[in-house]
Amino acid sequence: ELFRIEAIAKNLHKMAIIALRINPNID
């Protein structure tokens, strides 16, 4: 997903603001 967002942002001449979603493995 990160690489897809980056590629689409490049095509649109945009900067994509991102945060990565961490899965902490907490029940």
PDB file of all heavy atoms in Angstrom:
ATOM      1  N   GLU A   1       0.831  -1.202   0.000  1.00  0.00           N
ATOM      2  CA  GLU A   1       0.000   0.000   0.000  1.00  0.00           C
ATOM      3  C   GLU A   1       0.867   1.253   0.000  1.00  0.00           C
ATOM      4  O   GLU A   1       0.571   2.232  -0.709  1.00  0.00           O
ATOM      5  CB  GLU A   1      -0.931   0.014   1.212  1.00  0.00           C
ATOM      6  CG  GLU A   1      -1.853   1.234   1.252  1.00  0.00           C
ATOM      7  CD  GLU A   1      -2.569   1.417   2.572  1.00  0.00           C
ATOM      8  OE1 GLU A   1      -2.914   0.402   3.213  1.00  0.00           O
ATOM      9  OE2 GLU A   1      -2.787   2.584   2.961  1.00  0.00           O
ATOM     10  N   LEU A   2       1.939   1.245   0.772  1.00  0.00           N
ATOM     11  CA  LEU A   2       2.819   2.410   0.822  1.00  0.00           C
ATOM     12  C   LEU A   2       3.379   2.714  -0.566  1.00  0.00           C
ATOM     13  O   LEU A   2       3.382   3.875  -1.011  1.00  0.00           O
ATOM     14  CB  LEU A   2       3.961   2.165   1.810  1.00  0.00           C
ATOM     15  CG  LEU A   2       4.925   3.345   1.984  1.00  0.00           C
ATOM     16  CD1 LEU A   2       4.252   4.479   2.742  1.00  0.00           C
ATOM     17  CD2 LEU A   2       6.209   2.923   2.688  1.00  0.00           C
ATOM     18  N   PHE A   3       3.851   1.685  -1.261  1.00  0.00           N
ATOM     19  CA  PHE A   3       4.419   1.889  -2.596  1.00  0.00           C
ATOM     20  C   PHE A   3       3.352   2.337  -3.591  1.00  0.00           C
ATOM     21  O   PHE A   3       3.627   3.128  -4.502  1.00  0.00           O
ATOM     22  CB  PHE A   3       5.118   0.624  -3.076  1.00  0.00           C
ATOM     23  CG  PHE A   3       6.358   0.275  -2.284  1.00  0.00           C
ATOM     24  CD1 PHE A   3       6.740  -1.040  -2.101  1.00  0.00           C
ATOM     25  CD2 PHE A   3       7.139   1.271  -1.702  1.00  0.00           C
ATOM     26  CE1 PHE A   3       7.883  -1.370  -1.382  1.00  0.00           C
ATOM     27  CE2 PHE A   3       8.276   0.969  -0.978  1.00  0.00           C
ATOM     28  CZ  PHE A   3       8.653  -0.352  -0.808  1.00  0.00           C
ATOM     29  N   ARG A   4       2.134   1.849  -3.431  1.00  0.00           N
ATOM     30  CA  ARG A   4       1.051   2.275  -4.325  1.00  0.00           C
ATOM     31  C   ARG A   4       0.726   3.750  -4.098  1.00  0.00           C
ATOM     32  O   ARG A   4       0.567   4.503  -5.072  1.00  0.00           O
ATOM     33  CB  ARG A   4      -0.198   1.423  -4.102  1.00  0.00           C
ATOM     34  CG  ARG A   4      -1.371   1.850  -4.972  1.00  0.00           C
ATOM     35  CD  ARG A   4      -2.603   1.006  -4.764  1.00  0.00           C
ATOM     36  NE  ARG A   4      -2.428  -0.351  -5.281  1.00  0.00           N
ATOM     37  CZ  ARG A   4      -3.441  -1.207  -5.471  1.00  0.00           C
ATOM     38  NH1 ARG A   4      -4.689  -0.838  -5.189  1.00  0.00           N
ATOM     39  NH2 ARG A   4      -3.213  -2.422  -5.909  1.00  0.00           N
ATOM     40  N   ILE A   5       0.609   4.150  -2.831  1.00  0.00           N
ATOM     41  CA  ILE A   5       0.334   5.555  -2.535  1.00  0.00           C
ATOM     42  C   ILE A   5       1.457   6.441  -3.083  1.00  0.00           C
ATOM     43  O   ILE A   5       1.199   7.500  -3.675  1.00  0.00           O
ATOM     44  CB  ILE A   5       0.169   5.759  -1.017  1.00  0.00           C
ATOM     45  CG1 ILE A   5      -1.131   5.100  -0.533  1.00  0.00           C
ATOM     46  CG2 ILE A   5       0.180   7.244  -0.651  1.00  0.00           C
ATOM     47  CD1 ILE A   5      -1.294   5.095   0.975  1.00  0.00           C
ATOM     48  N   GLU A   6       2.683   6.001  -2.919  1.00  0.00           N
ATOM     49  CA  GLU A   6       3.825   6.773  -3.410  1.00  0.00           C
ATOM     50  C   GLU A   6       3.762   6.940  -4.928  1.00  0.00           C
ATOM     51  O   GLU A   6       3.974   8.049  -5.449  1.00  0.00           O
ATOM     52  CB  GLU A   6       5.124   6.086  -3.003  1.00  0.00           C
ATOM     53  CG  GLU A   6       6.371   6.842  -3.431  1.00  0.00           C
ATOM     54  CD  GLU A   6       7.640   6.093  -3.058  1.00  0.00           C
ATOM     55  OE1 GLU A   6       7.608   4.844  -2.997  1.00  0.00           O
ATOM     56  OE2 GLU A   6       8.662   6.767  -2.812  1.00  0.00           O
ATOM     57  N   ALA A   7       3.446   5.858  -5.644  1.00  0.00           N
ATOM     58  CA  ALA A   7       3.401   5.914  -7.104  1.00  0.00           C
ATOM     59  C   ALA A   7       2.287   6.837  -7.592  1.00  0.00           C
ATOM     60  O   ALA A   7       2.471   7.623  -8.534  1.00  0.00           O
ATOM     61  CB  ALA A   7       3.211   4.510  -7.662  1.00  0.00           C
ATOM     62  N   ILE A   8       1.111   6.749  -6.952  1.00  0.00           N
ATOM     63  CA  ILE A   8      -0.007   7.600  -7.366  1.00  0.00           C
ATOM     64  C   ILE A   8       0.299   9.060  -7.046  1.00  0.00           C
ATOM     65  O   ILE A   8       0.006   9.964  -7.852  1.00  0.00           O
ATOM     66  CB  ILE A   8      -1.307   7.136  -6.686  1.00  0.00           C
ATOM     67  CG1 ILE A   8      -1.679   5.731  -7.191  1.00  0.00           C
ATOM     68  CG2 ILE A   8      -2.449   8.112  -6.957  1.00  0.00           C
ATOM     69  CD1 ILE A   8      -2.843   5.095  -6.460  1.00  0.00           C
ATOM     70  N   ALA A   9       0.910   9.316  -5.892  1.00  0.00           N
ATOM     71  CA  ALA A   9       1.288  10.682  -5.534  1.00  0.00           C
ATOM     72  C   ALA A   9       2.281  11.247  -6.549  1.00  0.00           C
ATOM     73  O   ALA A   9       2.194  12.417  -6.946  1.00  0.00           O
ATOM     74  CB  ALA A   9       1.872  10.711  -4.130  1.00  0.00           C
ATOM     75  N   LYS A  10       3.219  10.431  -6.982  1.00  0.00           N
ATOM     76  CA  LYS A  10       4.204  10.865  -7.979  1.00  0.00           C
ATOM     77  C   LYS A  10       3.517  11.245  -9.281  1.00  0.00           C
ATOM     78  O   LYS A  10       3.806  12.293  -9.876  1.00  0.00           O
ATOM     79  CB  LYS A  10       5.224   9.752  -8.219  1.00  0.00           C
ATOM     80  CG  LYS A  10       6.295  10.109  -9.241  1.00  0.00           C
ATOM     81  CD  LYS A  10       7.283   8.966  -9.415  1.00  0.00           C
ATOM     82  CE  LYS A  10       8.348   9.333 -10.456  1.00  0.00           C
ATOM     83  NZ  LYS A  10       9.315   8.208 -10.648  1.00  0.00           N
ATOM     84  N   ASN A  11       2.579  10.419  -9.727  1.00  0.00           N
ATOM     85  CA  ASN A  11       1.854  10.700 -10.974  1.00  0.00           C
ATOM     86  C   ASN A  11       1.035  11.981 -10.887  1.00  0.00           C
ATOM     87  O   ASN A  11       0.838  12.672 -11.899  1.00  0.00           O
ATOM     88  CB  ASN A  11       0.948   9.528 -11.336  1.00  0.00           C
ATOM     89  CG  ASN A  11       1.728   8.314 -11.812  1.00  0.00           C
ATOM     90  OD1 ASN A  11       2.877   8.433 -12.240  1.00  0.00           O
ATOM     91  ND2 ASN A  11       1.118   7.134 -11.726  1.00  0.00           N
ATOM     92  N   LEU A  12       0.545  12.282  -9.698  1.00  0.00           N
ATOM     93  CA  LEU A  12      -0.276  13.481  -9.501  1.00  0.00           C
ATOM     94  C   LEU A  12       0.553  14.697  -9.096  1.00  0.00           C
ATOM     95  O   LEU A  12      -0.018  15.782  -8.890  1.00  0.00           O
ATOM     96  CB  LEU A  12      -1.328  13.209  -8.416  1.00  0.00           C
ATOM     97  CG  LEU A  12      -2.404  12.168  -8.723  1.00  0.00           C
ATOM     98  CD1 LEU A  12      -3.287  11.943  -7.504  1.00  0.00           C
ATOM     99  CD2 LEU A  12      -3.259  12.600  -9.914  1.00  0.00           C
ATOM    100  N   HIS A  13       1.867  14.511  -8.967  1.00  0.00           N
ATOM    101  CA  HIS A  13       2.756  15.577  -8.494  1.00  0.00           C
ATOM    102  C   HIS A  13       2.305  16.072  -7.120  1.00  0.00           C
ATOM    103  O   HIS A  13       2.226  17.269  -6.854  1.00  0.00           O
ATOM    104  CB  HIS A  13       2.802  16.737  -9.496  1.00  0.00           C
ATOM    105  CG  HIS A  13       3.163  16.325 -10.883  1.00  0.00           C
ATOM    106  ND1 HIS A  13       4.437  15.909 -11.233  1.00  0.00           N
ATOM    107  CD2 HIS A  13       2.404  16.225 -12.012  1.00  0.00           C
ATOM    108  CE1 HIS A  13       4.471  15.593 -12.518  1.00  0.00           C
ATOM    109  NE2 HIS A  13       3.234  15.768 -13.014  1.00  0.00           N
ATOM    110  N   LYS A  14       1.993  15.096  -6.257  1.00  0.00           N
ATOM    111  CA  LYS A  14       1.518  15.375  -4.917  1.00  0.00           C
ATOM    112  C   LYS A  14       2.472  14.798  -3.861  1.00  0.00           C
ATOM    113  O   LYS A  14       3.299  13.915  -4.157  1.00  0.00           O
ATOM    114  CB  LYS A  14       0.132  14.757  -4.708  1.00  0.00           C
ATOM    115  CG  LYS A  14      -1.004  15.459  -5.455  1.00  0.00           C
ATOM    116  CD  LYS A  14      -1.482  16.668  -4.673  1.00  0.00           C
ATOM    117  CE  LYS A  14      -2.769  17.228  -5.223  1.00  0.00           C
ATOM    118  NZ  LYS A  14      -3.265  18.359  -4.410  1.00  0.00           N
ATOM    119  N   MET A  15       2.323  15.293  -2.650  1.00  0.00           N
ATOM    120  CA  MET A  15       3.012  14.736  -1.494  1.00  0.00           C
ATOM    121  C   MET A  15       1.971  14.050  -0.620  1.00  0.00           C
ATOM    122  O   MET A  15       1.018  14.693  -0.155  1.00  0.00           O
ATOM    123  CB  MET A  15       3.711  15.842  -0.702  1.00  0.00           C
ATOM    124  CG  MET A  15       4.402  15.374   0.565  1.00  0.00           C
ATOM    125  SD  MET A  15       6.029  14.663   0.253  1.00  0.00           S
ATOM    126  CE  MET A  15       6.980  16.151  -0.054  1.00  0.00           C
ATOM    127  N   ALA A  16       2.108  12.752  -0.408  1.00  0.00           N
ATOM    128  CA  ALA A  16       1.167  11.997   0.425  1.00  0.00           C
ATOM    129  C   ALA A  16       1.643  12.011   1.874  1.00  0.00           C
ATOM    130  O   ALA A  16       2.769  11.612   2.166  1.00  0.00           O
ATOM    131  CB  ALA A  16       1.041  10.567  -0.075  1.00  0.00           C
ATOM    132  N   ILE A  17       0.762  12.469   2.762  1.00  0.00           N
ATOM    133  CA  ILE A  17       1.075  12.491   4.194  1.00  0.00           C
ATOM    134  C   ILE A  17       0.686  11.135   4.771  1.00  0.00           C
ATOM    135  O   ILE A  17      -0.445  10.672   4.591  1.00  0.00           O
ATOM    136  CB  ILE A  17       0.315  13.618   4.898  1.00  0.00           C
ATOM    137  CG1 ILE A  17       0.681  14.964   4.264  1.00  0.00           C
ATOM    138  CG2 ILE A  17       0.618  13.629   6.390  1.00  0.00           C
ATOM    139  CD1 ILE A  17      -0.158  16.125   4.751  1.00  0.00           C
ATOM    140  N   ILE A  18       1.621  10.485   5.475  1.00  0.00           N
ATOM    141  CA  ILE A  18       1.373   9.097   5.905  1.00  0.00           C
ATOM    142  C   ILE A  18       1.744   8.868   7.370  1.00  0.00           C
ATOM    143  O   ILE A  18       2.594   9.548   7.945  1.00  0.00           O
ATOM    144  CB  ILE A  18       2.127   8.086   5.004  1.00  0.00           C
ATOM    145  CG1 ILE A  18       3.658   8.303   5.057  1.00  0.00           C
ATOM    146  CG2 ILE A  18       1.649   8.180   3.567  1.00  0.00           C
ATOM    147  CD1 ILE A  18       4.399   7.308   5.875  1.00  0.00           C
ATOM    148  N   ALA A  19       1.065   7.889   7.947  1.00  0.00           N
ATOM    149  CA  ALA A  19       1.452   7.265   9.211  1.00  0.00           C
ATOM    150  C   ALA A  19       1.371   5.762   8.979  1.00  0.00           C
ATOM    151  O   ALA A  19       0.539   5.306   8.187  1.00  0.00           O
ATOM    152  CB  ALA A  19       0.526   7.679  10.348  1.00  0.00           C
ATOM    153  N   LEU A  20       2.219   5.006   9.596  1.00  0.00           N
ATOM    154  CA  LEU A  20       2.159   3.558   9.454  1.00  0.00           C
ATOM    155  C   LEU A  20       1.365   2.975  10.617  1.00  0.00           C
ATOM    156  O   LEU A  20       1.568   3.343  11.772  1.00  0.00           O
ATOM    157  CB  LEU A  20       3.557   2.950   9.425  1.00  0.00           C
ATOM    158  CG  LEU A  20       4.475   3.412   8.290  1.00  0.00           C
ATOM    159  CD1 LEU A  20       5.738   2.569   8.262  1.00  0.00           C
ATOM    160  CD2 LEU A  20       3.775   3.360   6.941  1.00  0.00           C
ATOM    161  N   ARG A  21       0.441   2.063  10.256  1.00  0.00           N
ATOM    162  CA  ARG A  21      -0.382   1.421  11.273  1.00  0.00           C
ATOM    163  C   ARG A  21       0.336   0.186  11.810  1.00  0.00           C
ATOM    164  O   ARG A  21       0.591  -0.770  11.073  1.00  0.00           O
ATOM    165  CB  ARG A  21      -1.746   1.036  10.710  1.00  0.00           C
ATOM    166  CG  ARG A  21      -2.604   0.285  11.718  1.00  0.00           C
ATOM    167  CD  ARG A  21      -4.004   0.055  11.201  1.00  0.00           C
ATOM    168  NE  ARG A  21      -4.768  -0.801  12.098  1.00  0.00           N
ATOM    169  CZ  ARG A  21      -6.053  -1.102  11.945  1.00  0.00           C
ATOM    170  NH1 ARG A  21      -6.728  -0.597  10.924  1.00  0.00           N
ATOM    171  NH2 ARG A  21      -6.680  -1.887  12.802  1.00  0.00           N
ATOM    172  N   ILE A  22       0.626   0.217  13.088  1.00  0.00           N
ATOM    173  CA  ILE A  22       1.322  -0.878  13.748  1.00  0.00           C
ATOM    174  C   ILE A  22       0.310  -1.847  14.349  1.00  0.00           C
ATOM    175  O   ILE A  22      -0.668  -1.433  14.968  1.00  0.00           O
ATOM    176  CB  ILE A  22       2.255  -0.345  14.857  1.00  0.00           C
ATOM    177  CG1 ILE A  22       3.189   0.737  14.296  1.00  0.00           C
ATOM    178  CG2 ILE A  22       3.047  -1.486  15.494  1.00  0.00           C
ATOM    179  CD1 ILE A  22       4.024   0.284  13.126  1.00  0.00           C
ATOM    180  N   ASN A  23       0.552  -3.125  14.137  1.00  0.00           N
ATOM    181  CA  ASN A  23      -0.245  -4.165  14.787  1.00  0.00           C
ATOM    182  C   ASN A  23       0.553  -4.646  16.001  1.00  0.00           C
ATOM    183  O   ASN A  23       1.538  -5.378  15.845  1.00  0.00           O
ATOM    184  CB  ASN A  23      -0.511  -5.312  13.815  1.00  0.00           C
ATOM    185  CG  ASN A  23      -1.409  -6.387  14.402  1.00  0.00           C
ATOM    186  OD1 ASN A  23      -1.339  -6.684  15.593  1.00  0.00           O
ATOM    187  ND2 ASN A  23      -2.249  -6.979  13.586  1.00  0.00           N
ATOM    188  N   PRO A  24       0.164  -4.261  17.217  1.00  0.00           N
ATOM    189  CA  PRO A  24       0.987  -4.541  18.394  1.00  0.00           C
ATOM    190  C   PRO A  24       0.825  -5.942  18.962  1.00  0.00           C
ATOM    191  O   PRO A  24       1.460  -6.273  19.966  1.00  0.00           O
ATOM    192  CB  PRO A  24       0.507  -3.494  19.399  1.00  0.00           C
ATOM    193  CG  PRO A  24      -0.921  -3.260  19.036  1.00  0.00           C
ATOM    194  CD  PRO A  24      -1.016  -3.429  17.553  1.00  0.00           C
ATOM    195  N   ASN A  25      -0.042  -6.763  18.353  1.00  0.00           N
ATOM    196  CA  ASN A  25      -0.293  -8.126  18.834  1.00  0.00           C
ATOM    197  C   ASN A  25      -0.733  -8.117  20.295  1.00  0.00           C
ATOM    198  O   ASN A  25      -0.187  -8.832  21.140  1.00  0.00           O
ATOM    199  CB  ASN A  25       0.953  -9.022  18.654  1.00  0.00           C
ATOM    200  CG  ASN A  25       0.612 -10.497  18.820  1.00  0.00           C
ATOM    201  OD1 ASN A  25      -0.506 -10.918  18.521  1.00  0.00           O
ATOM    202  ND2 ASN A  25       1.565 -11.276  19.292  1.00  0.00           N
ATOM    203  N   ILE A  26      -1.747  -7.300  20.569  1.00  0.00           N
ATOM    204  CA  ILE A  26      -2.320  -7.190  21.915  1.00  0.00           C
ATOM    205  C   ILE A  26      -3.749  -7.711  21.870  1.00  0.00           C
ATOM    206  O   ILE A  26      -4.536  -7.306  21.018  1.00  0.00           O
ATOM    207  CB  ILE A  26      -2.311  -5.725  22.398  1.00  0.00           C
ATOM    208  CG1 ILE A  26      -0.872  -5.259  22.630  1.00  0.00           C
ATOM    209  CG2 ILE A  26      -3.132  -5.558  23.673  1.00  0.00           C
ATOM    210  CD1 ILE A  26      -0.755  -3.774  22.901  1.00  0.00           C
ATOM    211  N   ASP A  27      -4.063  -8.614  22.795  1.00  0.00           N
ATOM    212  CA  ASP A  27      -5.413  -9.164  22.880  1.00  0.00           C
ATOM    213  C   ASP A  27      -6.300  -8.178  23.637  1.00  0.00           C
ATOM    214  O   ASP A  27      -6.139  -7.969  24.836  1.00  0.00           O
ATOM    215  CB  ASP A  27      -5.394 -10.514  23.588  1.00  0.00           C
ATOM    216  CG  ASP A  27      -6.760 -11.209  23.557  1.00  0.00           C
ATOM    217  OD1 ASP A  27      -7.726 -10.612  23.052  1.00  0.00           O
ATOM    218  OD2 ASP A  27      -6.843 -12.361  24.036  1.00  0.00           O
TER     219      ASP A  27
END
